[in-house]
Amino acid sequence: MDPQVLLSNLIEHGHMPPWLANHVVEIQTMSTVIPEKPTDTVKRLLGRDARRLDAFLYEYVENFR
């Protein structure tokens, strides 16, 4: 998504203050330019593989309504 479109959406539809929306866009842009590499931290700490965010959200969807 174009950063300006994201910024506008966050402010207009997400009702975010401009300073916070700018920060979110900055982080989003940085994450696409410098992607993080996966680690084995969850496996080492919990003894199981990490779940994808969409799997977690699907499992706990009722907590977010």
PDB file of N, CA and C in Angstrom:
ATOM      1  N   MET A   1       0.848  -1.170   0.000  1.00  0.00           N
ATOM      2  CA  MET A   1       0.000   0.000   0.000  1.00  0.00           C
ATOM      3  C   MET A   1       0.895   1.236   0.000  1.00  0.00           C
ATOM      4  N   ASP A   2       0.489   2.193  -0.769  1.00  0.00           N
ATOM      5  CA  ASP A   2       1.205   3.461  -0.835  1.00  0.00           C
ATOM      6  C   ASP A   2       1.238   4.102   0.557  1.00  0.00           C
ATOM      7  N   PRO A   3       2.399   4.561   1.013  1.00  0.00           N
ATOM      8  CA  PRO A   3       2.496   5.135   2.359  1.00  0.00           C
ATOM      9  C   PRO A   3       1.524   6.295   2.607  1.00  0.00           C
ATOM     10  N   GLN A   4       1.281   7.121   1.596  1.00  0.00           N
ATOM     11  CA  GLN A   4       0.349   8.247   1.797  1.00  0.00           C
ATOM     12  C   GLN A   4      -1.085   7.767   1.952  1.00  0.00           C
ATOM     13  N   VAL A   5      -1.442   6.703   1.223  1.00  0.00           N
ATOM     14  CA  VAL A   5      -2.784   6.131   1.348  1.00  0.00           C
ATOM     15  C   VAL A   5      -2.941   5.525   2.739  1.00  0.00           C
ATOM     16  N   LEU A   6      -1.931   4.796   3.186  1.00  0.00           N
ATOM     17  CA  LEU A   6      -1.969   4.217   4.523  1.00  0.00           C
ATOM     18  C   LEU A   6      -2.100   5.311   5.572  1.00  0.00           C
ATOM     19  N   LEU A   7      -1.325   6.358   5.445  1.00  0.00           N
ATOM     20  CA  LEU A   7      -1.376   7.466   6.394  1.00  0.00           C
ATOM     21  C   LEU A   7      -2.779   8.066   6.446  1.00  0.00           C
ATOM     22  N   SER A   8      -3.347   8.333   5.286  1.00  0.00           N
ATOM     23  CA  SER A   8      -4.701   8.900   5.229  1.00  0.00           C
ATOM     24  C   SER A   8      -5.720   7.969   5.860  1.00  0.00           C
ATOM     25  N   ASN A   9      -5.621   6.668   5.557  1.00  0.00           N
ATOM     26  CA  ASN A   9      -6.560   5.692   6.124  1.00  0.00           C
ATOM     27  C   ASN A   9      -6.450   5.614   7.642  1.00  0.00           C
ATOM     28  N   LEU A  10      -5.240   5.621   8.147  1.00  0.00           N
ATOM     29  CA  LEU A  10      -5.053   5.540   9.593  1.00  0.00           C
ATOM     30  C   LEU A  10      -5.639   6.752  10.303  1.00  0.00           C
ATOM     31  N   ILE A  11      -5.479   7.915   9.706  1.00  0.00           N
ATOM     32  CA  ILE A  11      -5.986   9.144  10.317  1.00  0.00           C
ATOM     33  C   ILE A  11      -7.503   9.247  10.158  1.00  0.00           C
ATOM     34  N   GLU A  12      -7.986   9.051   8.932  1.00  0.00           N
ATOM     35  CA  GLU A  12      -9.406   9.256   8.649  1.00  0.00           C
ATOM     36  C   GLU A  12     -10.291   8.117   9.148  1.00  0.00           C
ATOM     37  N   HIS A  13      -9.885   6.881   8.897  1.00  0.00           N
ATOM     38  CA  HIS A  13     -10.737   5.750   9.241  1.00  0.00           C
ATOM     39  C   HIS A  13     -10.337   5.086  10.559  1.00  0.00           C
ATOM     40  N   GLY A  14      -9.048   5.169  10.892  1.00  0.00           N
ATOM     41  CA  GLY A  14      -8.572   4.579  12.139  1.00  0.00           C
ATOM     42  C   GLY A  14      -8.610   5.559  13.290  1.00  0.00           C
ATOM     43  N   HIS A  15      -8.914   6.822  12.987  1.00  0.00           N
ATOM     44  CA  HIS A  15      -9.010   7.876  14.000  1.00  0.00           C
ATOM     45  C   HIS A  15      -7.742   7.997  14.838  1.00  0.00           C
ATOM     46  N   MET A  16      -6.594   7.765  14.177  1.00  0.00           N
ATOM     47  CA  MET A  16      -5.317   7.904  14.872  1.00  0.00           C
ATOM     48  C   MET A  16      -4.873   9.353  14.829  1.00  0.00           C
ATOM     49  N   PRO A  17      -4.205   9.809  15.881  1.00  0.00           N
ATOM     50  CA  PRO A  17      -3.605  11.136  15.797  1.00  0.00           C
ATOM     51  C   PRO A  17      -2.480  11.105  14.751  1.00  0.00           C
ATOM     52  N   PRO A  18      -2.271  12.200  14.056  1.00  0.00           N
ATOM     53  CA  PRO A  18      -1.256  12.219  12.994  1.00  0.00           C
ATOM     54  C   PRO A  18       0.125  11.758  13.437  1.00  0.00           C
ATOM     55  N   TRP A  19       0.546  12.103  14.655  1.00  0.00           N
ATOM     56  CA  TRP A  19       1.887  11.694  15.101  1.00  0.00           C
ATOM     57  C   TRP A  19       1.996  10.181  15.168  1.00  0.00           C
ATOM     58  N   LEU A  20       0.922   9.500  15.605  1.00  0.00           N
ATOM     59  CA  LEU A  20       0.950   8.047  15.709  1.00  0.00           C
ATOM     60  C   LEU A  20       0.853   7.404  14.333  1.00  0.00           C
ATOM     61  N   ALA A  21       0.000   7.947  13.484  1.00  0.00           N
ATOM     62  CA  ALA A  21      -0.135   7.427  12.124  1.00  0.00           C
ATOM     63  C   ALA A  21       1.188   7.537  11.378  1.00  0.00           C
ATOM     64  N   ASN A  22       1.876   8.644  11.525  1.00  0.00           N
ATOM     65  CA  ASN A  22       3.192   8.806  10.894  1.00  0.00           C
ATOM     66  C   ASN A  22       4.171   7.750  11.387  1.00  0.00           C
ATOM     67  N   HIS A  23       4.118   7.463  12.670  1.00  0.00           N
ATOM     68  CA  HIS A  23       5.017   6.456  13.246  1.00  0.00           C
ATOM     69  C   HIS A  23       4.703   5.069  12.674  1.00  0.00           C
ATOM     70  N   VAL A  24       3.429   4.716  12.578  1.00  0.00           N
ATOM     71  CA  VAL A  24       3.034   3.412  12.027  1.00  0.00           C
ATOM     72  C   VAL A  24       3.497   3.289  10.583  1.00  0.00           C
ATOM     73  N   VAL A  25       3.322   4.340   9.790  1.00  0.00           N
ATOM     74  CA  VAL A  25       3.767   4.319   8.395  1.00  0.00           C
ATOM     75  C   VAL A  25       5.280   4.178   8.318  1.00  0.00           C
ATOM     76  N   GLU A  26       5.986   4.851   9.190  1.00  0.00           N
ATOM     77  CA  GLU A  26       7.447   4.748   9.220  1.00  0.00           C
ATOM     78  C   GLU A  26       7.889   3.314   9.518  1.00  0.00           C
ATOM     79  N   ILE A  27       7.262   2.695  10.491  1.00  0.00           N
ATOM     80  CA  ILE A  27       7.605   1.308  10.840  1.00  0.00           C
ATOM     81  C   ILE A  27       7.257   0.370   9.690  1.00  0.00           C
ATOM     82  N   GLN A  28       6.083   0.558   9.076  1.00  0.00           N
ATOM     83  CA  GLN A  28       5.671  -0.277   7.949  1.00  0.00           C
ATOM     84  C   GLN A  28       6.664  -0.148   6.794  1.00  0.00           C
ATOM     85  N   THR A  29       7.068   1.059   6.486  1.00  0.00           N
ATOM     86  CA  THR A  29       8.022   1.286   5.405  1.00  0.00           C
ATOM     87  C   THR A  29       9.359   0.630   5.729  1.00  0.00           C
ATOM     88  N   MET A  30       9.825   0.796   6.957  1.00  0.00           N
ATOM     89  CA  MET A  30      11.094   0.213   7.359  1.00  0.00           C
ATOM     90  C   MET A  30      11.037  -1.315   7.283  1.00  0.00           C
ATOM     91  N   SER A  31       9.901  -1.907   7.651  1.00  0.00           N
ATOM     92  CA  SER A  31       9.804  -3.369   7.642  1.00  0.00           C
ATOM     93  C   SER A  31       9.828  -3.943   6.230  1.00  0.00           C
ATOM     94  N   THR A  32       9.434  -3.168   5.250  1.00  0.00           N
ATOM     95  CA  THR A  32       9.496  -3.661   3.873  1.00  0.00           C
ATOM     96  C   THR A  32      10.875  -3.432   3.260  1.00  0.00           C
ATOM     97  N   VAL A  33      11.588  -2.426   3.744  1.00  0.00           N
ATOM     98  CA  VAL A  33      12.922  -2.125   3.227  1.00  0.00           C
ATOM     99  C   VAL A  33      13.971  -3.023   3.890  1.00  0.00           C
ATOM    100  N   ILE A  34      13.817  -3.236   5.195  1.00  0.00           N
ATOM    101  CA  ILE A  34      14.769  -4.038   5.966  1.00  0.00           C
ATOM    102  C   ILE A  34      13.983  -5.131   6.700  1.00  0.00           C
ATOM    103  N   PRO A  35      13.587  -6.209   6.007  1.00  0.00           N
ATOM    104  CA  PRO A  35      12.804  -7.248   6.669  1.00  0.00           C
ATOM    105  C   PRO A  35      13.605  -7.974   7.743  1.00  0.00           C
ATOM    106  N   GLU A  36      12.909  -8.365   8.798  1.00  0.00           N
ATOM    107  CA  GLU A  36      13.567  -9.121   9.861  1.00  0.00           C
ATOM    108  C   GLU A  36      13.700 -10.575   9.455  1.00  0.00           C
ATOM    109  N   LYS A  37      14.732 -11.200   9.950  1.00  0.00           N
ATOM    110  CA  LYS A  37      14.960 -12.620   9.673  1.00  0.00           C
ATOM    111  C   LYS A  37      14.301 -13.444  10.779  1.00  0.00           C
ATOM    112  N   PRO A  38      13.673 -14.567  10.418  1.00  0.00           N
ATOM    113  CA  PRO A  38      13.086 -15.431  11.446  1.00  0.00           C
ATOM    114  C   PRO A  38      14.162 -15.940  12.410  1.00  0.00           C
ATOM    115  N   THR A  39      13.748 -16.148  13.648  1.00  0.00           N
ATOM    116  CA  THR A  39      14.659 -16.693  14.653  1.00  0.00           C
ATOM    117  C   THR A  39      14.042 -17.957  15.260  1.00  0.00           C
ATOM    118  N   ASP A  40      14.786 -18.629  16.099  1.00  0.00           N
ATOM    119  CA  ASP A  40      14.279 -19.816  16.776  1.00  0.00           C
ATOM    120  C   ASP A  40      13.917 -19.518  18.231  1.00  0.00           C
ATOM    121  N   THR A  41      13.696 -18.264  18.567  1.00  0.00           N
ATOM    122  CA  THR A  41      13.446 -17.860  19.952  1.00  0.00           C
ATOM    123  C   THR A  41      12.218 -18.541  20.544  1.00  0.00           C
ATOM    124  N   VAL A  42      11.102 -18.560  19.822  1.00  0.00           N
ATOM    125  CA  VAL A  42       9.889 -19.190  20.350  1.00  0.00           C
ATOM    126  C   VAL A  42      10.139 -20.672  20.606  1.00  0.00           C
ATOM    127  N   LYS A  43      10.764 -21.328  19.656  1.00  0.00           N
ATOM    128  CA  LYS A  43      11.037 -22.766  19.813  1.00  0.00           C
ATOM    129  C   LYS A  43      11.933 -23.019  21.029  1.00  0.00           C
ATOM    130  N   ARG A  44      12.944 -22.181  21.206  1.00  0.00           N
ATOM    131  CA  ARG A  44      13.840 -22.363  22.351  1.00  0.00           C
ATOM    132  C   ARG A  44      13.124 -22.098  23.674  1.00  0.00           C
ATOM    133  N   LEU A  45      12.272 -21.072  23.713  1.00  0.00           N
ATOM    134  CA  LEU A  45      11.616 -20.711  24.966  1.00  0.00           C
ATOM    135  C   LEU A  45      10.402 -21.573  25.283  1.00  0.00           C
ATOM    136  N   LEU A  46       9.600 -21.902  24.265  1.00  0.00           N
ATOM    137  CA  LEU A  46       8.350 -22.618  24.497  1.00  0.00           C
ATOM    138  C   LEU A  46       8.398 -24.089  24.113  1.00  0.00           C
ATOM    139  N   GLY A  47       9.444 -24.470  23.395  1.00  0.00           N
ATOM    140  CA  GLY A  47       9.560 -25.860  22.987  1.00  0.00           C
ATOM    141  C   GLY A  47       8.650 -26.235  21.832  1.00  0.00           C
ATOM    142  N   ARG A  48       8.140 -25.245  21.116  1.00  0.00           N
ATOM    143  CA  ARG A  48       7.297 -25.510  19.953  1.00  0.00           C
ATOM    144  C   ARG A  48       7.538 -24.429  18.917  1.00  0.00           C
ATOM    145  N   ASP A  49       7.145 -24.709  17.682  1.00  0.00           N
ATOM    146  CA  ASP A  49       7.301 -23.715  16.626  1.00  0.00           C
ATOM    147  C   ASP A  49       6.351 -22.545  16.848  1.00  0.00           C
ATOM    148  N   ALA A  50       6.743 -21.398  16.358  1.00  0.00           N
ATOM    149  CA  ALA A  50       5.884 -20.221  16.428  1.00  0.00           C
ATOM    150  C   ALA A  50       4.691 -20.402  15.500  1.00  0.00           C
ATOM    151  N   ARG A  51       3.569 -19.744  15.862  1.00  0.00           N
ATOM    152  CA  ARG A  51       2.388 -19.761  14.994  1.00  0.00           C
ATOM    153  C   ARG A  51       2.386 -18.511  14.137  1.00  0.00           C
ATOM    154  N   ARG A  52       1.714 -18.606  13.017  1.00  0.00           N
ATOM    155  CA  ARG A  52       1.513 -17.420  12.185  1.00  0.00           C
ATOM    156  C   ARG A  52       0.474 -16.539  12.863  1.00  0.00           C
ATOM    157  N   LEU A  53       0.550 -15.243  12.643  1.00  0.00           N
ATOM    158  CA  LEU A  53      -0.382 -14.312  13.255  1.00  0.00           C
ATOM    159  C   LEU A  53      -1.821 -14.646  12.879  1.00  0.00           C
ATOM    160  N   ASP A  54      -2.069 -14.989  11.607  1.00  0.00           N
ATOM    161  CA  ASP A  54      -3.444 -15.276  11.198  1.00  0.00           C
ATOM    162  C   ASP A  54      -4.000 -16.503  11.922  1.00  0.00           C
ATOM    163  N   ALA A  55      -3.171 -17.493  12.223  1.00  0.00           N
ATOM    164  CA  ALA A  55      -3.622 -18.672  12.969  1.00  0.00           C
ATOM    165  C   ALA A  55      -3.993 -18.294  14.407  1.00  0.00           C
ATOM    166  N   PHE A  56      -3.175 -17.463  15.024  1.00  0.00           N
ATOM    167  CA  PHE A  56      -3.459 -16.992  16.379  1.00  0.00           C
ATOM    168  C   PHE A  56      -4.760 -16.201  16.410  1.00  0.00           C
ATOM    169  N   LEU A  57      -4.922 -15.276  15.473  1.00  0.00           N
ATOM    170  CA  LEU A  57      -6.129 -14.449  15.451  1.00  0.00           C
ATOM    171  C   LEU A  57      -7.376 -15.289  15.205  1.00  0.00           C
ATOM    172  N   TYR A  58      -7.280 -16.284  14.325  1.00  0.00           N
ATOM    173  CA  TYR A  58      -8.409 -17.160  14.059  1.00  0.00           C
ATOM    174  C   TYR A  58      -8.796 -17.928  15.327  1.00  0.00           C
ATOM    175  N   GLU A  59      -7.793 -18.402  16.051  1.00  0.00           N
ATOM    176  CA  GLU A  59      -8.054 -19.162  17.265  1.00  0.00           C
ATOM    177  C   GLU A  59      -8.700 -18.315  18.352  1.00  0.00           C
ATOM    178  N   TYR A  60      -8.326 -17.042  18.423  1.00  0.00           N
ATOM    179  CA  TYR A  60      -8.805 -16.164  19.488  1.00  0.00           C
ATOM    180  C   TYR A  60      -9.731 -15.056  18.988  1.00  0.00           C
ATOM    181  N   VAL A  61     -10.394 -15.260  17.851  1.00  0.00           N
ATOM    182  CA  VAL A  61     -11.213 -14.216  17.239  1.00  0.00           C
ATOM    183  C   VAL A  61     -12.270 -13.657  18.199  1.00  0.00           C
ATOM    184  N   GLU A  62     -12.829 -14.494  19.038  1.00  0.00           N
ATOM    185  CA  GLU A  62     -13.863 -14.023  19.960  1.00  0.00           C
ATOM    186  C   GLU A  62     -13.333 -13.003  20.976  1.00  0.00           C
ATOM    187  N   ASN A  63     -12.055 -13.047  21.264  1.00  0.00           N
ATOM    188  CA  ASN A  63     -11.455 -12.092  22.209  1.00  0.00           C
ATOM    189  C   ASN A  63     -11.280 -10.710  21.593  1.00  0.00           C
ATOM    190  N   PHE A  64     -11.417 -10.594  20.286  1.00  0.00           N
ATOM    191  CA  PHE A  64     -11.180  -9.325  19.602  1.00  0.00           C
ATOM    192  C   PHE A  64     -12.466  -8.684  19.091  1.00  0.00           C
ATOM    193  N   ARG A  65     -13.601  -9.188  19.505  1.00  0.00           N
ATOM    194  CA  ARG A  65     -14.890  -8.616  19.045  1.00  0.00           C
ATOM    195  C   ARG A  65     -15.430  -7.664  20.067  1.00  0.00           C
TER     196      ARG A  65
END
